[in-house]
Amino acid sequence: MPSEYESMARALMSSPQGAKIIQTLDKLSATASSPNGRQLIAMLAGNGGDALKAAAMAANQTEKDPARVLMSSLLSSKDGASLIAKIVEVVGV
């Protein structure tokens, strides 16, 4: 017998919004499977992940605009700047 959450999940996934979620997940999966996506994942698993974690911690500890602090912190290190460059390359912004 399905739980209430399972029923809600099925209803969402059969809705137009659910179809959009599935399309977005398909695009994300294709991006992550690409050579650039794999490079990005490798960066996040290595020093890029450390840079992102440090930037997130700095953004969390500020009273200022957290998004600006996050970006400033990332761009102030070589690993963080490389990570941002790879994200821009992969996402195509």
C-alpha atoms as a PDB file:
ATOM      1  CA  MET A   1       0.000   0.000   0.000  1.00  0.00           C
ATOM      2  CA  PRO A   2       1.576   3.294  -1.086  1.00  0.00           C
ATOM      3  CA  SER A   3       2.230   5.915   1.549  1.00  0.00           C
ATOM      4  CA  GLU A   4       0.830   9.417   1.391  1.00  0.00           C
ATOM      5  CA  TYR A   5       4.235  10.711   0.212  1.00  0.00           C
ATOM      6  CA  GLU A   6       4.443   8.117  -2.552  1.00  0.00           C
ATOM      7  CA  SER A   7       0.977   9.104  -3.753  1.00  0.00           C
ATOM      8  CA  MET A   8       1.940  12.782  -3.728  1.00  0.00           C
ATOM      9  CA  ALA A   9       5.157  12.007  -5.625  1.00  0.00           C
ATOM     10  CA  ARG A  10       3.270  10.031  -8.277  1.00  0.00           C
ATOM     11  CA  ALA A  11       0.754  12.863  -8.665  1.00  0.00           C
ATOM     12  CA  LEU A  12       3.546  15.420  -9.053  1.00  0.00           C
ATOM     13  CA  MET A  13       5.468  13.342 -11.577  1.00  0.00           C
ATOM     14  CA  SER A  14       2.365  12.828 -13.729  1.00  0.00           C
ATOM     15  CA  SER A  15       1.661  16.588 -13.819  1.00  0.00           C
ATOM     16  CA  PRO A  16       3.088  19.131 -16.287  1.00  0.00           C
ATOM     17  CA  GLN A  17       5.447  20.327 -13.540  1.00  0.00           C
ATOM     18  CA  GLY A  18       6.665  16.756 -13.088  1.00  0.00           C
ATOM     19  CA  ALA A  19       7.373  16.512 -16.809  1.00  0.00           C
ATOM     20  CA  LYS A  20       9.500  19.669 -16.536  1.00  0.00           C
ATOM     21  CA  ILE A  21      11.388  18.156 -13.597  1.00  0.00           C
ATOM     22  CA  ILE A  22      12.070  14.995 -15.607  1.00  0.00           C
ATOM     23  CA  GLN A  23      13.265  17.053 -18.611  1.00  0.00           C
ATOM     24  CA  THR A  24      15.573  19.072 -16.356  1.00  0.00           C
ATOM     25  CA  LEU A  25      16.962  15.894 -14.787  1.00  0.00           C
ATOM     26  CA  ASP A  26      17.543  14.438 -18.261  1.00  0.00           C
ATOM     27  CA  LYS A  27      19.468  17.581 -19.271  1.00  0.00           C
ATOM     28  CA  LEU A  28      21.455  17.505 -16.041  1.00  0.00           C
ATOM     29  CA  SER A  29      22.282  13.848 -16.576  1.00  0.00           C
ATOM     30  CA  ALA A  30      23.438  14.501 -20.145  1.00  0.00           C
ATOM     31  CA  THR A  31      25.557  17.438 -18.984  1.00  0.00           C
ATOM     32  CA  ALA A  32      27.113  15.438 -16.146  1.00  0.00           C
ATOM     33  CA  SER A  33      27.910  12.612 -18.571  1.00  0.00           C
ATOM     34  CA  SER A  34      29.676  14.886 -21.057  1.00  0.00           C
ATOM     35  CA  PRO A  35      33.468  15.264 -20.993  1.00  0.00           C
ATOM     36  CA  ASN A  36      33.156  18.800 -19.571  1.00  0.00           C
ATOM     37  CA  GLY A  37      30.640  17.610 -17.014  1.00  0.00           C
ATOM     38  CA  ARG A  38      32.983  14.851 -15.891  1.00  0.00           C
ATOM     39  CA  GLN A  39      35.790  17.403 -15.572  1.00  0.00           C
ATOM     40  CA  LEU A  40      33.532  19.589 -13.428  1.00  0.00           C
ATOM     41  CA  ILE A  41      32.635  16.651 -11.204  1.00  0.00           C
ATOM     42  CA  ALA A  42      36.321  15.814 -10.830  1.00  0.00           C
ATOM     43  CA  MET A  43      37.051  19.425  -9.862  1.00  0.00           C
ATOM     44  CA  LEU A  44      34.271  19.352  -7.271  1.00  0.00           C
ATOM     45  CA  ALA A  45      35.645  16.106  -5.878  1.00  0.00           C
ATOM     46  CA  GLY A  46      39.100  17.652  -5.571  1.00  0.00           C
ATOM     47  CA  ASN A  47      40.275  21.109  -4.570  1.00  0.00           C
ATOM     48  CA  GLY A  48      37.312  22.806  -6.249  1.00  0.00           C
ATOM     49  CA  GLY A  49      35.068  21.204  -3.646  1.00  0.00           C
ATOM     50  CA  ASP A  50      37.263  22.615  -0.887  1.00  0.00           C
ATOM     51  CA  ALA A  51      37.069  26.080  -2.475  1.00  0.00           C
ATOM     52  CA  LEU A  52      33.290  25.828  -2.740  1.00  0.00           C
ATOM     53  CA  LYS A  53      32.972  24.658   0.854  1.00  0.00           C
ATOM     54  CA  ALA A  54      35.151  27.520   2.137  1.00  0.00           C
ATOM     55  CA  ALA A  55      33.179  30.054   0.090  1.00  0.00           C
ATOM     56  CA  ALA A  56      29.872  28.655   1.346  1.00  0.00           C
ATOM     57  CA  MET A  57      31.093  28.862   4.932  1.00  0.00           C
ATOM     58  CA  ALA A  58      32.136  32.498   4.406  1.00  0.00           C
ATOM     59  CA  ALA A  59      28.753  33.308   2.858  1.00  0.00           C
ATOM     60  CA  ASN A  60      26.975  31.628   5.757  1.00  0.00           C
ATOM     61  CA  GLN A  61      28.854  33.670   8.345  1.00  0.00           C
ATOM     62  CA  THR A  62      28.166  37.116   6.919  1.00  0.00           C
ATOM     63  CA  GLU A  63      25.492  39.715   7.454  1.00  0.00           C
ATOM     64  CA  LYS A  64      26.205  41.034   3.937  1.00  0.00           C
ATOM     65  CA  ASP A  65      24.734  39.695   0.706  1.00  0.00           C
ATOM     66  CA  PRO A  66      25.610  35.960   0.895  1.00  0.00           C
ATOM     67  CA  ALA A  67      25.604  35.480  -2.889  1.00  0.00           C
ATOM     68  CA  ARG A  68      28.158  38.261  -3.385  1.00  0.00           C
ATOM     69  CA  VAL A  69      30.335  36.920  -0.574  1.00  0.00           C
ATOM     70  CA  LEU A  70      30.123  33.420  -2.067  1.00  0.00           C
ATOM     71  CA  MET A  71      31.194  34.607  -5.518  1.00  0.00           C
ATOM     72  CA  SER A  72      33.882  36.923  -4.141  1.00  0.00           C
ATOM     73  CA  SER A  73      35.305  34.111  -2.015  1.00  0.00           C
ATOM     74  CA  LEU A  74      35.318  31.682  -4.940  1.00  0.00           C
ATOM     75  CA  LEU A  75      36.919  34.150  -7.318  1.00  0.00           C
ATOM     76  CA  SER A  76      39.632  35.071  -4.821  1.00  0.00           C
ATOM     77  CA  SER A  77      41.298  31.640  -5.039  1.00  0.00           C
ATOM     78  CA  LYS A  78      42.847  29.859  -8.012  1.00  0.00           C
ATOM     79  CA  ASP A  79      40.803  26.689  -7.393  1.00  0.00           C
ATOM     80  CA  GLY A  80      37.583  28.661  -6.932  1.00  0.00           C
ATOM     81  CA  ALA A  81      38.144  30.724 -10.071  1.00  0.00           C
ATOM     82  CA  SER A  82      38.892  27.556 -12.050  1.00  0.00           C
ATOM     83  CA  LEU A  83      35.707  25.992 -10.703  1.00  0.00           C
ATOM     84  CA  ILE A  84      33.616  29.006 -11.706  1.00  0.00           C
ATOM     85  CA  ALA A  85      35.189  29.007 -15.180  1.00  0.00           C
ATOM     86  CA  LYS A  86      34.354  25.313 -15.624  1.00  0.00           C
ATOM     87  CA  ILE A  87      30.767  25.842 -14.409  1.00  0.00           C
ATOM     88  CA  VAL A  88      30.333  28.677 -16.913  1.00  0.00           C
ATOM     89  CA  GLU A  89      31.774  26.446 -19.654  1.00  0.00           C
ATOM     90  CA  VAL A  90      29.539  23.493 -18.791  1.00  0.00           C
ATOM     91  CA  VAL A  91      26.345  25.479 -18.243  1.00  0.00           C
ATOM     92  CA  GLY A  92      27.000  27.784 -21.176  1.00  0.00           C
ATOM     93  CA  VAL A  93      26.255  31.032 -19.382  1.00  0.00           C
END
